[in-house]
C-alpha atoms as a PDB file:
ATOM      1  CA  MET A   1     -28.227 -74.200  49.638  1.00  0.00           C
ATOM      2  CA  LEU A   2     -29.085 -72.286  52.885  1.00  0.00           C
ATOM      3  CA  ARG A   3     -30.032 -68.627  52.393  1.00  0.00           C
ATOM      4  CA  LEU A   4     -29.450 -66.320  55.435  1.00  0.00           C
ATOM      5  CA  THR A   5     -31.932 -63.408  56.041  1.00  0.00           C
ATOM      6  CA  ALA A   6     -32.016 -60.432  58.476  1.00  0.00           C
ATOM      7  CA  SER A   7     -35.337 -59.655  60.293  1.00  0.00           C
ATOM      8  CA  ASN A   8     -36.480 -56.221  61.471  1.00  0.00           C
ATOM      9  CA  SER A   9     -37.125 -57.790  64.877  1.00  0.00           C
ATOM     10  CA  ALA A  10     -33.371 -57.965  65.366  1.00  0.00           C
ATOM     11  CA  VAL A  11     -33.420 -54.135  65.596  1.00  0.00           C
ATOM     12  CA  ILE A  12     -36.732 -53.537  67.368  1.00  0.00           C
ATOM     13  CA  PHE A  13     -36.362 -56.126  70.107  1.00  0.00           C
ATOM     14  CA  PRO A  14     -33.418 -54.512  71.960  1.00  0.00           C
ATOM     15  CA  ALA A  15     -35.101 -51.109  71.803  1.00  0.00           C
ATOM     16  CA  LYS A  16     -38.224 -52.490  73.442  1.00  0.00           C
ATOM     17  CA  ILE A  17     -36.136 -53.967  76.205  1.00  0.00           C
ATOM     18  CA  ALA A  18     -34.529 -50.607  76.856  1.00  0.00           C
ATOM     19  CA  VAL A  19     -37.873 -48.741  76.997  1.00  0.00           C
ATOM     20  CA  VAL A  20     -39.510 -51.258  79.364  1.00  0.00           C
ATOM     21  CA  SER A  21     -36.500 -51.179  81.615  1.00  0.00           C
ATOM     22  CA  ALA A  22     -36.535 -47.418  81.759  1.00  0.00           C
ATOM     23  CA  ASN A  23     -40.276 -47.259  82.516  1.00  0.00           C
ATOM     24  CA  SER A  24     -39.988 -49.771  85.317  1.00  0.00           C
ATOM     25  CA  ALA A  25     -37.128 -47.886  86.832  1.00  0.00           C
ATOM     26  CA  VAL A  26     -39.022 -44.604  86.741  1.00  0.00           C
ATOM     27  CA  LEU A  27     -42.088 -46.087  88.461  1.00  0.00           C
ATOM     28  CA  TYR A  28     -39.927 -47.659  91.072  1.00  0.00           C
ATOM     29  CA  CYS A  29     -38.215 -44.340  91.767  1.00  0.00           C
ATOM     30  CA  ILE A  30     -41.524 -42.554  92.213  1.00  0.00           C
ATOM     31  CA  THR A  31     -42.712 -45.189  94.630  1.00  0.00           C
ATOM     32  CA  MET A  32     -39.541 -45.064  96.621  1.00  0.00           C
ATOM     33  CA  ALA A  33     -39.387 -41.246  96.609  1.00  0.00           C
ATOM     34  CA  THR A  34     -41.564 -40.917  99.584  1.00  0.00           C
ATOM     35  CA  GLU A  35     -39.747 -43.472 101.606  1.00  0.00           C
ATOM     36  CA  GLU A  36     -36.146 -42.753 100.819  1.00  0.00           C
ATOM     37  CA  ALA A  37     -33.958 -39.889 101.460  1.00  0.00           C
ATOM     38  CA  GLU A  38     -32.955 -37.434  98.753  1.00  0.00           C
ATOM     39  CA  GLY A  39     -29.446 -38.876  98.543  1.00  0.00           C
ATOM     40  CA  ALA A  40     -30.757 -42.395  97.929  1.00  0.00           C
ATOM     41  CA  ARG A  41     -33.064 -41.125  95.224  1.00  0.00           C
ATOM     42  CA  LYS A  42     -30.214 -39.433  93.451  1.00  0.00           C
ATOM     43  CA  ALA A  43     -28.092 -42.556  93.593  1.00  0.00           C
ATOM     44  CA  LEU A  44     -30.961 -44.609  92.254  1.00  0.00           C
ATOM     45  CA  ILE A  45     -31.631 -42.130  89.481  1.00  0.00           C
ATOM     46  CA  ILE A  46     -27.959 -42.291  88.476  1.00  0.00           C
ATOM     47  CA  TRP A  47     -28.144 -46.071  88.472  1.00  0.00           C
ATOM     48  CA  ILE A  48     -31.300 -46.015  86.377  1.00  0.00           C
ATOM     49  CA  ILE A  49     -29.745 -43.598  83.901  1.00  0.00           C
ATOM     50  CA  PHE A  50     -26.667 -45.839  83.706  1.00  0.00           C
ATOM     51  CA  CYS A  51     -28.805 -48.895  83.067  1.00  0.00           C
ATOM     52  CA  ALA A  52     -30.811 -47.067  80.433  1.00  0.00           C
ATOM     53  CA  ALA A  53     -27.619 -45.896  78.734  1.00  0.00           C
ATOM     54  CA  ALA A  54     -26.165 -49.426  78.825  1.00  0.00           C
ATOM     55  CA  ALA A  55     -29.362 -50.811  77.353  1.00  0.00           C
ATOM     56  CA  CYS A  56     -29.289 -48.225  74.579  1.00  0.00           C
ATOM     57  CA  ALA A  57     -25.633 -48.985  73.877  1.00  0.00           C
ATOM     58  CA  PHE A  58     -26.372 -52.678  73.754  1.00  0.00           C
ATOM     59  CA  ALA A  59     -29.294 -52.062  71.408  1.00  0.00           C
ATOM     60  CA  PHE A  60     -27.087 -49.900  69.170  1.00  0.00           C
ATOM     61  CA  PHE A  61     -24.299 -52.436  68.881  1.00  0.00           C
ATOM     62  CA  TYR A  62     -26.756 -55.295  68.438  1.00  0.00           C
ATOM     63  CA  MET A  63     -28.534 -53.427  65.667  1.00  0.00           C
ATOM     64  CA  ARG A  64     -25.218 -52.558  64.004  1.00  0.00           C
ATOM     65  CA  SER A  65     -24.062 -56.224  64.162  1.00  0.00           C
ATOM     66  CA  SER A  66     -27.352 -57.401  62.693  1.00  0.00           C
ATOM     67  CA  ILE A  67     -27.063 -54.980  59.780  1.00  0.00           C
ATOM     68  CA  GLU A  68     -23.441 -56.122  59.140  1.00  0.00           C
ATOM     69  CA  LEU A  69     -24.525 -59.760  59.309  1.00  0.00           C
ATOM     70  CA  ALA A  70     -27.320 -59.097  56.833  1.00  0.00           C
ATOM     71  CA  ARG A  71     -24.867 -57.419  54.445  1.00  0.00           C
ATOM     72  CA  LYS A  72     -22.376 -60.260  54.672  1.00  0.00           C
ATOM     73  CA  THR A  73     -25.162 -62.826  54.224  1.00  0.00           C
ATOM     74  CA  SER A  74     -26.253 -61.059  51.067  1.00  0.00           C
ATOM     75  CA  ASP A  75     -22.671 -61.019  49.768  1.00  0.00           C
ATOM     76  CA  TRP A  76     -22.267 -64.726  50.593  1.00  0.00           C
ATOM     77  CA  ASN A  77     -25.481 -65.614  48.793  1.00  0.00           C
ATOM     78  CA  ALA A  78     -24.341 -63.642  45.751  1.00  0.00           C
ATOM     79  CA  SER A  79     -20.949 -65.380  45.793  1.00  0.00           C
ATOM     80  CA  GLU A  80     -22.600 -68.758  46.186  1.00  0.00           C
ATOM     81  CA  LEU A  81     -24.887 -68.089  43.221  1.00  0.00           C
ATOM     82  CA  GLU A  82     -21.920 -67.017  41.088  1.00  0.00           C
ATOM     83  CA  LEU A  83     -20.023 -70.166  42.115  1.00  0.00           C
ATOM     84  CA  GLU A  84     -22.995 -72.347  41.168  1.00  0.00           C
ATOM     85  CA  ASN A  85     -23.140 -70.651  37.779  1.00  0.00           C
ATOM     86  CA  GLN A  86     -19.420 -71.263  37.256  1.00  0.00           C
ATOM     87  CA  ILE A  87     -19.810 -74.934  38.251  1.00  0.00           C
ATOM     88  CA  GLY A  88     -22.689 -75.293  35.806  1.00  0.00           C
ATOM     89  CA  ASN A  89     -20.590 -73.762  33.027  1.00  0.00           C
ATOM     90  CA  LEU A  90     -17.673 -76.078  33.863  1.00  0.00           C
ATOM     91  CA  ASN A  91     -19.959 -79.127  33.832  1.00  0.00           C
ATOM     92  CA  GLN A  92     -21.307 -78.086  30.456  1.00  0.00           C
ATOM     93  CA  SER A  93     -17.774 -77.589  29.108  1.00  0.00           C
ATOM     94  CA  LEU A  94     -16.738 -80.980  30.531  1.00  0.00           C
ATOM     95  CA  SER A  95     -19.706 -82.645  28.847  1.00  0.00           C
ATOM     96  CA  VAL A  96     -18.780 -81.072  25.500  1.00  0.00           C
ATOM     97  CA  ALA A  97     -15.131 -82.092  25.938  1.00  0.00           C
ATOM     98  CA  THR A  98     -16.151 -85.669  26.838  1.00  0.00           C
ATOM     99  CA  THR A  99     -18.323 -85.895  23.729  1.00  0.00           C
ATOM    100  CA  GLU A 100     -15.520 -84.538  21.545  1.00  0.00           C
ATOM    101  CA  ASN A 101     -13.033 -86.956  23.128  1.00  0.00           C
ATOM    102  CA  ALA A 102     -15.336 -89.907  22.455  1.00  0.00           C
ATOM    103  CA  SER A 103     -15.726 -88.770  18.863  1.00  0.00           C
ATOM    104  CA  LEU A 104     -11.966 -88.397  18.430  1.00  0.00           C
ATOM    105  CA  THR A 105     -11.345 -91.803  20.045  1.00  0.00           C
ATOM    106  CA  SER A 106     -13.825 -93.422  17.680  1.00  0.00           C
ATOM    107  CA  ALA A 107     -12.252 -91.677  14.685  1.00  0.00           C
ATOM    108  CA  TYR A 108      -8.760 -92.763  15.820  1.00  0.00           C
ATOM    109  CA  ALA A 109      -9.882 -96.383  16.231  1.00  0.00           C
ATOM    110  CA  ALA A 110     -11.457 -96.385  12.770  1.00  0.00           C
ATOM    111  CA  GLU A 111      -8.341 -94.865  11.210  1.00  0.00           C
ATOM    112  CA  LYS A 112      -6.081 -97.334  13.041  1.00  0.00           C
ATOM    113  CA  GLU A 113      -8.206-100.222  11.808  1.00  0.00           C
ATOM    114  CA  ARG A 114      -7.898 -98.942   8.235  1.00  0.00           C
ATOM    115  CA  ASN A 115      -4.131 -98.537   8.654  1.00  0.00           C
ATOM    116  CA  ASP A 116      -3.777-102.023  10.139  1.00  0.00           C
ATOM    117  CA  SER A 117      -5.804-103.450   7.289  1.00  0.00           C
ATOM    118  CA  PHE A 118      -3.666-101.589   4.785  1.00  0.00           C
ATOM    119  CA  GLU A 119      -0.473-102.794   6.479  1.00  0.00           C
ATOM    120  CA  GLY A 120      -1.843-106.334   6.398  1.00  0.00           C
ATOM    121  CA  ARG A 121      -2.483-106.065   2.675  1.00  0.00           C
ATOM    122  CA  ILE A 122       0.971-104.603   2.123  1.00  0.00           C
ATOM    123  CA  SER A 123       2.497-107.406   4.185  1.00  0.00           C
ATOM    124  CA  GLY A 124       0.513-109.968   2.225  1.00  0.00           C
ATOM    125  CA  ILE A 125       1.660-108.447  -1.048  1.00  0.00           C
ATOM    126  CA  ALA A 126       5.263-108.418   0.197  1.00  0.00           C
ATOM    127  CA  ASP A 127       4.969-112.068   1.214  1.00  0.00           C
ATOM    128  CA  THR A 128       3.510-112.941  -2.155  1.00  0.00           C
ATOM    129  CA  VAL A 129       6.237-111.028  -3.962  1.00  0.00           C
ATOM    130  CA  GLY A 130       8.844-112.739  -1.779  1.00  0.00           C
ATOM    131  CA  THR A 131       7.327-116.139  -2.527  1.00  0.00           C
ATOM    132  CA  LEU A 132       7.234-115.437  -6.249  1.00  0.00           C
ATOM    133  CA  GLN A 133      10.824-114.222  -6.118  1.00  0.00           C
ATOM    134  CA  LYS A 134      11.827-117.357  -4.235  1.00  0.00           C
ATOM    135  CA  LEU A 135       9.991-119.574  -6.712  1.00  0.00           C
ATOM    136  CA  SER A 136      11.595-117.798  -9.653  1.00  0.00           C
ATOM    137  CA  GLU A 137      14.993-118.674  -8.217  1.00  0.00           C
ATOM    138  CA  THR A 138      14.118-122.342  -7.526  1.00  0.00           C
ATOM    139  CA  ASP A 139      14.472-124.998 -10.191  1.00  0.00           C
ATOM    140  CA  PRO A 140      10.942-126.364 -10.833  1.00  0.00           C
ATOM    141  CA  GLU A 141      12.431-129.681 -11.965  1.00  0.00           C
ATOM    142  CA  LEU A 142      13.595-130.508  -8.421  1.00  0.00           C
ATOM    143  CA  LEU A 143      10.191-131.855  -7.366  1.00  0.00           C
ATOM    144  CA  ALA A 144       8.980-133.193 -10.719  1.00  0.00           C
ATOM    145  CA  LYS A 145       7.891-136.823 -10.889  1.00  0.00           C
ATOM    146  CA  TYR A 146      10.510-138.289 -13.181  1.00  0.00           C
ATOM    147  CA  SER A 147      10.895-142.041 -13.589  1.00  0.00           C
ATOM    148  CA  LYS A 148       8.639-142.648 -16.619  1.00  0.00           C
ATOM    149  CA  VAL A 149       6.554-139.471 -16.052  1.00  0.00           C
ATOM    150  CA  TYR A 150       8.580-136.356 -16.915  1.00  0.00           C
ATOM    151  CA  PHE A 151      11.592-136.103 -19.181  1.00  0.00           C
ATOM    152  CA  LEU A 152      14.855-134.227 -18.600  1.00  0.00           C
ATOM    153  CA  ASN A 153      16.586-133.379 -21.833  1.00  0.00           C
ATOM    154  CA  GLU A 154      20.218-134.042 -22.480  1.00  0.00           C
ATOM    155  CA  ASN A 155      21.147-130.428 -21.780  1.00  0.00           C
ATOM    156  CA  TYR A 156      19.707-130.318 -18.272  1.00  0.00           C
ATOM    157  CA  ILE A 157      22.314-129.770 -15.570  1.00  0.00           C
ATOM    158  CA  PRO A 158      21.531-128.695 -11.973  1.00  0.00           C
ATOM    159  CA  SER A 159      22.081-124.982 -11.325  1.00  0.00           C
ATOM    160  CA  SER A 160      24.882-125.766  -8.883  1.00  0.00           C
ATOM    161  CA  LEU A 161      26.741-128.947  -7.946  1.00  0.00           C
ATOM    162  CA  SER A 162      29.141-129.496  -5.056  1.00  0.00           C
ATOM    163  CA  PRO A 163      31.581-132.361  -4.445  1.00  0.00           C
ATOM    164  CA  ILE A 164      30.641-134.854  -1.766  1.00  0.00           C
ATOM    165  CA  PRO A 165      33.370-135.051   0.911  1.00  0.00           C
ATOM    166  CA  SER A 166      35.409-138.230   0.448  1.00  0.00           C
ATOM    167  CA  GLN A 167      34.776-139.474   4.000  1.00  0.00           C
ATOM    168  CA  TYR A 168      31.145-140.015   3.040  1.00  0.00           C
ATOM    169  CA  LEU A 169      31.931-142.119  -0.053  1.00  0.00           C
ATOM    170  CA  GLU A 170      31.989-145.892  -0.278  1.00  0.00           C
ATOM    171  CA  ASP A 171      34.919-145.413  -2.671  1.00  0.00           C
ATOM    172  CA  PRO A 172      36.856-142.291  -1.567  1.00  0.00           C
ATOM    173  CA  SER A 173      38.751-142.216  -4.852  1.00  0.00           C
ATOM    174  CA  ARG A 174      35.597-141.382  -6.841  1.00  0.00           C
ATOM    175  CA  LYS A 175      34.444-137.819  -7.526  1.00  0.00           C
ATOM    176  CA  LEU A 176      30.741-137.704  -6.771  1.00  0.00           C
ATOM    177  CA  GLN A 177      28.600-134.568  -6.725  1.00  0.00           C
ATOM    178  CA  ILE A 178      25.337-133.440  -5.137  1.00  0.00           C
ATOM    179  CA  HIS A 179      23.089-130.416  -5.703  1.00  0.00           C
ATOM    180  CA  SER A 180      24.615-127.535  -3.710  1.00  0.00           C
ATOM    181  CA  GLY A 181      21.261-126.708  -2.119  1.00  0.00           C
ATOM    182  CA  ALA A 182      20.908-130.247  -0.755  1.00  0.00           C
ATOM    183  CA  LEU A 183      24.508-130.538   0.459  1.00  0.00           C
ATOM    184  CA  PRO A 184      23.950-128.954   3.951  1.00  0.00           C
ATOM    185  CA  PHE A 185      21.010-131.299   4.611  1.00  0.00           C
ATOM    186  CA  PHE A 186      23.014-134.312   3.418  1.00  0.00           C
ATOM    187  CA  ALA A 187      25.956-133.317   5.647  1.00  0.00           C
ATOM    188  CA  ARG A 188      23.663-133.096   8.697  1.00  0.00           C
ATOM    189  CA  LEU A 189      22.152-136.483   7.889  1.00  0.00           C
ATOM    190  CA  MET A 190      25.589-138.103   7.654  1.00  0.00           C
ATOM    191  CA  GLY A 191      26.684-136.396  10.867  1.00  0.00           C
ATOM    192  CA  ALA A 192      23.612-137.673  12.706  1.00  0.00           C
ATOM    193  CA  ALA A 193      24.222-141.222  11.403  1.00  0.00           C
ATOM    194  CA  GLU A 194      27.812-141.055  12.600  1.00  0.00           C
ATOM    195  CA  ASP A 195      26.661-139.847  16.031  1.00  0.00           C
ATOM    196  CA  ASP A 196      24.393-142.911  16.194  1.00  0.00           C
ATOM    197  CA  ASN A 197      27.270-145.211  15.146  1.00  0.00           C
ATOM    198  CA  ILE A 198      25.570-146.050  11.847  1.00  0.00           C
ATOM    199  CA  ASP A 199      27.784-147.321   9.003  1.00  0.00           C
ATOM    200  CA  LEU A 200      26.453-145.295   6.035  1.00  0.00           C
ATOM    201  CA  LYS A 201      28.189-144.415   2.768  1.00  0.00           C
ATOM    202  CA  VAL A 202      27.301-143.076  -0.670  1.00  0.00           C
ATOM    203  CA  ALA A 203      27.681-145.363  -3.695  1.00  0.00           C
ATOM    204  CA  SER A 204      26.209-143.090  -6.365  1.00  0.00           C
ATOM    205  CA  ALA A 205      24.999-139.493  -6.679  1.00  0.00           C
ATOM    206  CA  TYR A 206      24.580-137.083  -9.601  1.00  0.00           C
ATOM    207  CA  ARG A 207      24.639-138.653 -13.050  1.00  0.00           C
ATOM    208  CA  SER A 208      24.437-136.670 -16.255  1.00  0.00           C
ATOM    209  CA  PHE A 209      22.201-137.555 -19.194  1.00  0.00           C
ATOM    210  CA  GLY A 210      25.145-139.203 -20.928  1.00  0.00           C
ATOM    211  CA  GLN A 211      26.259-141.124 -17.826  1.00  0.00           C
ATOM    212  CA  GLN A 212      22.748-142.465 -17.337  1.00  0.00           C
ATOM    213  CA  ALA A 213      22.591-143.544 -20.983  1.00  0.00           C
ATOM    214  CA  ALA A 214      25.877-145.422 -20.660  1.00  0.00           C
ATOM    215  CA  LEU A 215      24.754-147.076 -17.407  1.00  0.00           C
ATOM    216  CA  LYS A 216      21.430-148.162 -18.896  1.00  0.00           C
ATOM    217  CA  GLU A 217      23.191-149.567 -21.928  1.00  0.00           C
ATOM    218  CA  SER A 218      25.500-151.628 -19.733  1.00  0.00           C
ATOM    219  CA  TYR A 219      22.511-153.009 -17.813  1.00  0.00           C
ATOM    220  CA  GLU A 220      20.737-153.920 -21.050  1.00  0.00           C
ATOM    221  CA  VAL A 221      23.766-155.835 -22.206  1.00  0.00           C
ATOM    222  CA  THR A 222      23.679-157.850 -18.988  1.00  0.00           C
ATOM    223  CA  TYR A 223      19.928-158.073 -18.254  1.00  0.00           C
ATOM    224  CA  GLY A 224      18.314-157.318 -21.603  1.00  0.00           C
ATOM    225  CA  SER A 225      14.815-155.841 -21.393  1.00  0.00           C
ATOM    226  CA  GLY A 226      14.752-156.801 -17.732  1.00  0.00           C
ATOM    227  CA  ALA A 227      16.907-153.736 -17.052  1.00  0.00           C
ATOM    228  CA  ASN A 228      13.801-151.556 -17.465  1.00  0.00           C
ATOM    229  CA  ALA A 229      12.472-152.898 -14.189  1.00  0.00           C
ATOM    230  CA  PHE A 230      15.221-151.299 -12.121  1.00  0.00           C
ATOM    231  CA  SER A 231      17.036-148.745 -14.300  1.00  0.00           C
ATOM    232  CA  ALA A 232      15.622-145.545 -15.777  1.00  0.00           C
ATOM    233  CA  ASP A 233      16.269-144.459 -19.322  1.00  0.00           C
ATOM    234  CA  GLN A 234      18.365-141.334 -19.778  1.00  0.00           C
ATOM    235  CA  GLY A 235      16.245-138.246 -19.147  1.00  0.00           C
ATOM    236  CA  TYR A 236      14.009-140.105 -16.687  1.00  0.00           C
ATOM    237  CA  SER A 237      16.480-140.681 -13.871  1.00  0.00           C
ATOM    238  CA  GLU A 238      16.212-138.824 -10.583  1.00  0.00           C
ATOM    239  CA  HIS A 239      20.010-138.924 -10.389  1.00  0.00           C
ATOM    240  CA  GLN A 240      20.207-136.297 -13.164  1.00  0.00           C
ATOM    241  CA  LEU A 241      18.599-133.787 -10.744  1.00  0.00           C
ATOM    242  CA  GLY A 242      21.618-133.993  -8.437  1.00  0.00           C
ATOM    243  CA  THR A 243      19.367-134.501  -5.403  1.00  0.00           C
ATOM    244  CA  THR A 244      19.328-138.317  -5.361  1.00  0.00           C
ATOM    245  CA  LEU A 245      21.763-140.692  -3.685  1.00  0.00           C
ATOM    246  CA  ASP A 246      22.327-144.435  -3.575  1.00  0.00           C
ATOM    247  CA  PHE A 247      23.367-145.439  -0.062  1.00  0.00           C
ATOM    248  CA  ILE A 248      25.435-148.452   0.913  1.00  0.00           C
ATOM    249  CA  THR A 249      27.509-149.664   3.850  1.00  0.00           C
ATOM    250  CA  SER A 250      31.232-150.252   3.928  1.00  0.00           C
ATOM    251  CA  LYS A 251      30.636-153.941   4.642  1.00  0.00           C
ATOM    252  CA  GLN A 252      28.617-154.677   1.485  1.00  0.00           C
ATOM    253  CA  GLY A 253      31.643-154.841  -0.786  1.00  0.00           C
ATOM    254  CA  GLY A 254      30.179-152.383  -3.299  1.00  0.00           C
ATOM    255  CA  SER A 255      26.956-154.339  -3.858  1.00  0.00           C
ATOM    256  CA  LEU A 256      23.636-152.592  -3.251  1.00  0.00           C
ATOM    257  CA  SER A 257      21.862-155.877  -2.747  1.00  0.00           C
ATOM    258  CA  GLY A 258      20.926-156.554   0.843  1.00  0.00           C
ATOM    259  CA  PHE A 259      21.000-152.922   1.961  1.00  0.00           C
ATOM    260  CA  ASP A 260      17.509-153.269   3.410  1.00  0.00           C
ATOM    261  CA  LYS A 261      18.842-155.816   5.869  1.00  0.00           C
ATOM    262  CA  THR A 262      21.322-153.377   7.402  1.00  0.00           C
ATOM    263  CA  PRO A 263      20.978-151.102  10.456  1.00  0.00           C
ATOM    264  CA  ALA A 264      21.684-148.198   8.068  1.00  0.00           C
ATOM    265  CA  TYR A 265      18.457-148.832   6.153  1.00  0.00           C
ATOM    266  CA  ALA A 266      16.424-149.053   9.355  1.00  0.00           C
ATOM    267  CA  TRP A 267      18.027-145.817  10.565  1.00  0.00           C
ATOM    268  CA  LEU A 268      17.159-144.032   7.305  1.00  0.00           C
ATOM    269  CA  LEU A 269      13.531-145.127   7.537  1.00  0.00           C
ATOM    270  CA  ASP A 270      13.324-143.528  10.991  1.00  0.00           C
ATOM    271  CA  ASN A 271      15.445-140.433  10.415  1.00  0.00           C
ATOM    272  CA  ALA A 272      16.009-139.507   6.765  1.00  0.00           C
ATOM    273  CA  TYR A 273      12.842-137.370   6.580  1.00  0.00           C
ATOM    274  CA  LYS A 274      14.246-135.087   9.277  1.00  0.00           C
ATOM    275  CA  TYR A 275      16.851-133.970   6.743  1.00  0.00           C
ATOM    276  CA  GLY A 276      14.543-133.833   3.710  1.00  0.00           C
ATOM    277  CA  PHE A 277      15.235-137.275   2.157  1.00  0.00           C
ATOM    278  CA  ILE A 278      12.633-139.860   1.092  1.00  0.00           C
ATOM    279  CA  LEU A 279      12.727-143.416  -0.259  1.00  0.00           C
ATOM    280  CA  SER A 280      11.711-143.035  -3.906  1.00  0.00           C
ATOM    281  CA  TYR A 281      10.828-146.654  -4.662  1.00  0.00           C
ATOM    282  CA  PRO A 282       9.507-148.510  -1.595  1.00  0.00           C
ATOM    283  CA  GLU A 283       8.053-151.979  -1.748  1.00  0.00           C
ATOM    284  CA  GLY A 284       4.918-152.193  -3.865  1.00  0.00           C
ATOM    285  CA  ASN A 285       5.555-149.040  -5.956  1.00  0.00           C
ATOM    286  CA  SER A 286       4.330-149.009  -9.574  1.00  0.00           C
ATOM    287  CA  TYR A 287       7.451-147.504 -11.164  1.00  0.00           C
ATOM    288  CA  TYR A 288      10.472-149.673 -10.468  1.00  0.00           C
ATOM    289  CA  GLU A 289      11.487-152.594  -8.402  1.00  0.00           C
ATOM    290  CA  TYR A 290      11.967-151.994  -4.710  1.00  0.00           C
ATOM    291  CA  GLU A 291      15.183-149.986  -4.268  1.00  0.00           C
ATOM    292  CA  PRO A 292      15.939-149.525  -0.555  1.00  0.00           C
ATOM    293  CA  TRP A 293      19.231-147.742  -1.334  1.00  0.00           C
ATOM    294  CA  HIS A 294      17.673-145.026  -3.553  1.00  0.00           C
ATOM    295  CA  TRP A 295      16.901-141.818  -1.573  1.00  0.00           C
ATOM    296  CA  ARG A 296      15.860-138.441  -2.984  1.00  0.00           C
ATOM    297  CA  PHE A 297      16.020-135.000  -1.368  1.00  0.00           C
ATOM    298  CA  VAL A 298      12.626-133.230  -1.535  1.00  0.00           C
ATOM    299  CA  GLY A 299      12.922-130.793   1.407  1.00  0.00           C
ATOM    300  CA  ILE A 300      12.129-131.257   5.065  1.00  0.00           C
ATOM    301  CA  LYS A 301       8.497-130.108   4.892  1.00  0.00           C
ATOM    302  CA  LEU A 302       7.418-132.494   2.138  1.00  0.00           C
ATOM    303  CA  ALA A 303       9.513-135.377   3.502  1.00  0.00           C
ATOM    304  CA  THR A 304       8.003-134.889   6.972  1.00  0.00           C
ATOM    305  CA  ASP A 305       4.439-134.799   5.643  1.00  0.00           C
ATOM    306  CA  LEU A 306       5.031-137.955   3.607  1.00  0.00           C
ATOM    307  CA  HIS A 307       6.522-139.691   6.643  1.00  0.00           C
ATOM    308  CA  ASN A 308       3.729-138.671   9.029  1.00  0.00           C
ATOM    309  CA  GLU A 309       0.961-139.517   6.564  1.00  0.00           C
ATOM    310  CA  LYS A 310       2.699-142.728   5.430  1.00  0.00           C
ATOM    311  CA  LYS A 311       2.451-141.720   1.776  1.00  0.00           C
ATOM    312  CA  ASN A 312       4.746-142.267  -1.197  1.00  0.00           C
ATOM    313  CA  PHE A 313       6.080-139.354  -3.258  1.00  0.00           C
ATOM    314  CA  TYR A 314       4.936-140.881  -6.546  1.00  0.00           C
ATOM    315  CA  ASP A 315       1.403-141.438  -5.283  1.00  0.00           C
ATOM    316  CA  LEU A 316       0.829-137.676  -4.910  1.00  0.00           C
ATOM    317  CA  ASP A 317      -0.573-135.457  -7.638  1.00  0.00           C
ATOM    318  CA  GLN A 318       2.098-133.281  -9.203  1.00  0.00           C
ATOM    319  CA  ARG A 319       0.101-130.131  -8.376  1.00  0.00           C
ATOM    320  CA  ASP A 320       0.143-131.075  -4.688  1.00  0.00           C
ATOM    321  CA  ILE A 321       3.875-131.694  -4.836  1.00  0.00           C
ATOM    322  CA  ASP A 322       4.553-128.359  -6.537  1.00  0.00           C
ATOM    323  CA  ALA A 323       3.115-126.524  -3.524  1.00  0.00           C
ATOM    324  CA  TYR A 324       6.210-127.595  -1.565  1.00  0.00           C
ATOM    325  CA  LEU A 325       8.724-126.277  -4.099  1.00  0.00           C
ATOM    326  CA  VAL A 326       9.067-122.853  -2.475  1.00  0.00           C
ATOM    327  CA  ASN A 327      10.135-124.516   0.807  1.00  0.00           C
ATOM    328  CA  ILE A 328      12.465-127.169  -0.576  1.00  0.00           C
ATOM    329  CA  PHE A 329      15.644-125.638   0.862  1.00  0.00           C
ATOM    330  CA  ASP A 330      14.094-124.288   4.084  1.00  0.00           C
ATOM    331  CA  ASN A 331      15.514-125.657   7.316  1.00  0.00           C
END
């Protein structure tokens, strides 16, 4: 910054002017003394004295102003130096504060990352616990591959059964039941079929171990060993799970034969998966004869995957099927 200084010439210069002026005036007076009258000389002397006094006064005030300016300049320079020192101290403090802030920000970010990671682990544990809880409350038999693979003993009964509304039955006088967990999905399926003007009814639903035994016995009386091609032994029937239905139309006169030629069958092929139902025994399966009326509830997720991938339930490995158990009653 600019530093102001006071020079001694500021004091000496006016004094020199005053002395020169006085000397010149004196010489002039001497010269004019012989030519002028006494009165003129006196007037001139007075004028010279006045000029000399004015010059001295000017020199005095100029010198005084210069001294004052020098003092104020010194004070200003001192103030400026102090201000620069203060600015330097503030810059240093700001630098320290910036460094501390960066350190704190880094520490906060690290701590937040640890907390987020911990929350993620807690959430994962909670999800796992929730899944395990859900699995513990879900019947593992619901997605087992029965029909000559797994066996349901005579004491197995679904955890909860609900009556099927009579308007959905081929014979409204019968009392048919379905697994309570599958009932809402079944009701939506029937409602959607009705909206599409599809004639669809239920001919058979849950059958107990004893009912299946009696049915198989009646088939054997009529068809002999040939009954094994289309009827499961007791303990191997999907109907005992309470999640399987035999569909029919009101125009078939109670006979399941020919169901695959009806609009209802075509509608089920296109829509049943949306409500969690699959065709258990399609054409070409290795378990039973083709049964277009026999549909099993396996949950929307599994039914949708089977539909999209054009796979059959019984062609999957049981371990792959079990992965869907936790979602069987999810909408």
